[in-house]
Protein backbone atom coordinates (compact mmCIF):
# COMPACT_ATOMS: atom_id res chain seq x y z
CA UNK A 1 0.00 0.00 0.00
CA UNK A 2 2.85 2.38 0.81
CA UNK A 3 4.37 1.73 -2.61
CA UNK A 4 1.11 2.73 -4.25
CA UNK A 5 0.97 5.98 -2.26
CA UNK A 6 4.63 6.66 -3.08
CA UNK A 7 4.05 6.17 -6.83
CA UNK A 8 0.89 8.25 -6.70
CA UNK A 9 2.90 11.02 -5.01
CA UNK A 10 5.56 10.86 -7.76
CA UNK A 11 2.85 10.95 -10.42
CA UNK A 12 1.14 13.93 -8.80
CA UNK A 13 4.43 15.87 -8.54
CA UNK A 14 5.34 15.15 -12.18
CA UNK A 15 1.86 16.13 -13.34
CA UNK A 16 2.04 19.37 -11.35
CA UNK A 17 5.48 20.23 -12.75
CA UNK A 18 4.29 19.50 -16.30
CA UNK A 19 1.23 21.71 -15.92
CA UNK A 20 3.35 24.49 -14.43
CA UNK A 21 5.79 24.32 -17.35
CA UNK A 22 2.90 24.45 -19.85
CA UNK A 23 1.46 27.51 -18.10
CA UNK A 24 4.84 29.27 -18.10
CA UNK A 25 5.35 28.47 -21.81
CA UNK A 26 1.88 29.79 -22.72
CA UNK A 27 2.40 32.93 -20.64
CA UNK A 28 5.75 33.52 -22.36
CA UNK A 29 4.33 32.87 -25.83
CA UNK A 30 1.32 35.18 -25.46
CA UNK A 31 3.40 37.90 -23.83
CA UNK A 32 5.92 37.51 -26.63
CA UNK A 33 3.36 38.20 -29.38
CA UNK A 34 1.01 40.63 -27.61
CA UNK A 35 2.67 43.76 -29.05
CA UNK A 36 3.19 42.13 -32.45
CA UNK A 37 6.07 40.14 -33.87
CA UNK A 38 7.48 40.21 -37.42
CA UNK A 39 9.64 37.32 -38.57
CA UNK A 40 10.80 35.43 -41.63
CA UNK A 41 10.77 31.73 -42.44
CA UNK A 42 14.49 31.58 -41.64
CA UNK A 43 13.65 32.33 -37.98
CA UNK A 44 12.65 28.73 -37.39
CA UNK A 45 11.51 29.16 -33.74
CA UNK A 46 8.97 31.88 -34.51
CA UNK A 47 7.97 30.29 -37.81
CA UNK A 48 7.38 26.87 -36.24
CA UNK A 49 5.54 28.04 -33.12
CA UNK A 50 3.70 31.17 -34.25
CA UNK A 51 2.59 30.42 -37.81
CA UNK A 52 -0.79 28.71 -38.22
CA UNK A 53 -1.03 25.77 -40.62
CA UNK A 54 -3.20 27.59 -43.15
CA UNK A 55 -0.42 30.16 -43.62
CA UNK A 56 2.43 27.62 -43.45
CA UNK A 57 0.86 25.56 -46.22
CA UNK A 58 -0.11 28.51 -48.43
CA UNK A 59 1.40 28.58 -51.92
CA UNK A 60 4.60 30.60 -52.17
CA UNK A 61 3.57 33.66 -54.15
CA UNK A 62 7.14 35.00 -54.10
CA UNK A 63 10.43 34.20 -52.40
CA UNK A 64 10.19 37.28 -50.20
CA UNK A 65 7.68 36.59 -47.40
CA UNK A 66 7.30 38.46 -44.11
CA UNK A 67 5.21 36.89 -41.35
CA UNK A 68 3.44 38.81 -38.61
CA UNK A 69 1.47 37.87 -35.52
CA UNK A 70 -0.14 40.10 -32.93
CA UNK A 71 -1.85 38.64 -29.91
CA UNK A 72 -5.14 39.84 -28.60
CA UNK A 73 -7.09 39.64 -25.40
CA UNK A 74 -10.78 38.92 -25.00
CA UNK A 75 -11.75 42.29 -26.52
CA UNK A 76 -9.32 42.52 -29.43
CA UNK A 77 -8.31 40.52 -32.47
CA UNK A 78 -5.56 37.98 -32.84
CA UNK A 79 -3.99 38.80 -36.20
CA UNK A 80 -1.85 36.35 -38.15
CA UNK A 81 -0.51 37.44 -41.51
CA UNK A 82 1.95 36.68 -44.28
CA UNK A 83 2.88 39.35 -46.80
CA UNK A 84 4.66 38.45 -50.01
CA UNK A 85 6.51 41.32 -51.65
CA UNK A 86 8.07 41.61 -55.10
CA UNK A 87 5.08 39.77 -56.60
CA UNK A 88 5.24 39.84 -60.40
CA UNK A 89 1.55 39.22 -61.16
CA UNK A 90 -0.66 40.39 -58.28
CA UNK A 91 -4.06 39.46 -59.85
CA UNK A 92 -2.80 35.93 -60.58
CA UNK A 93 -1.44 35.64 -57.02
CA UNK A 94 -4.84 36.64 -55.61
CA UNK A 95 -6.53 33.97 -57.76
CA UNK A 96 -4.05 31.34 -56.55
CA UNK A 97 -4.67 32.25 -52.90
CA UNK A 98 -8.46 32.26 -53.34
CA UNK A 99 -8.29 28.83 -54.95
CA UNK A 100 -6.06 27.59 -52.11
CA UNK A 101 -8.52 28.81 -49.48
CA UNK A 102 -11.48 27.25 -51.30
CA UNK A 103 -9.60 23.93 -51.60
CA UNK A 104 -8.86 24.17 -47.86
CA UNK A 105 -12.59 24.49 -47.20
CA UNK A 106 -12.49 28.20 -46.34
CA UNK A 107 -14.98 30.74 -47.61
CA UNK A 108 -13.46 34.22 -47.23
CA UNK A 109 -16.97 35.67 -46.87
CA UNK A 110 -17.85 33.52 -43.83
CA UNK A 111 -16.94 33.63 -40.15
CA UNK A 112 -15.41 30.58 -38.50
CA UNK A 113 -14.94 29.44 -34.91
CA UNK A 114 -14.91 32.46 -32.59
CA UNK A 115 -15.29 35.04 -35.32
CA UNK A 116 -12.35 33.90 -37.44
CA UNK A 117 -12.10 35.85 -40.74
CA UNK A 118 -9.79 35.38 -43.73
CA UNK A 119 -8.65 38.18 -46.00
CA UNK A 120 -6.53 38.44 -49.15
CA UNK A 121 -5.19 41.97 -49.47
CA UNK A 122 -3.46 42.97 -52.72
CA UNK A 123 -1.45 46.14 -53.22
CA UNK A 124 1.09 47.40 -55.77
CA UNK A 125 3.56 44.51 -55.75
CA UNK A 126 2.49 42.85 -52.49
CA UNK A 127 -0.15 40.32 -51.49
CA UNK A 128 -1.14 39.53 -47.90
CA UNK A 129 -3.06 36.59 -46.48
CA UNK A 130 -4.56 37.65 -43.15
CA UNK A 131 -6.42 35.69 -40.47
CA UNK A 132 -8.23 37.72 -37.81
CA UNK A 133 -9.69 35.87 -34.86
CA UNK A 134 -12.02 37.58 -32.43
CA UNK A 135 -11.43 36.07 -29.03
CA UNK A 136 -14.73 36.92 -27.34
CA UNK A 137 -16.39 40.32 -27.40
CA UNK A 138 -15.29 41.84 -30.73
């Protein structure tokens, strides 16, 4: 019986330490992005941990991509974005991104989850794919 209590104690301590580490990591991550963070694909830590799958798997419109994430609280938006610059054919790039979103099951006119919205924003020689997520009261 004492062995069982001993092992239960070890399990409880390990579980508590694991939960504490997860809380610290989440606190660090959200504090890290709250004011906004720009990064490139070569910054593997930020790219791996901060970039959502829909942006990671997006077609490469150009070789020059800048990623951006800005955290939000319950009253503001979480914004995740990739902007490709030096795009040769902006209208064609917009068509490619729209097709990609449709093939991924995303309708840019609809809201998803907690107010998630998708935008494709073209400009002179740049194209951005933006995901805005309203956390609660937006």
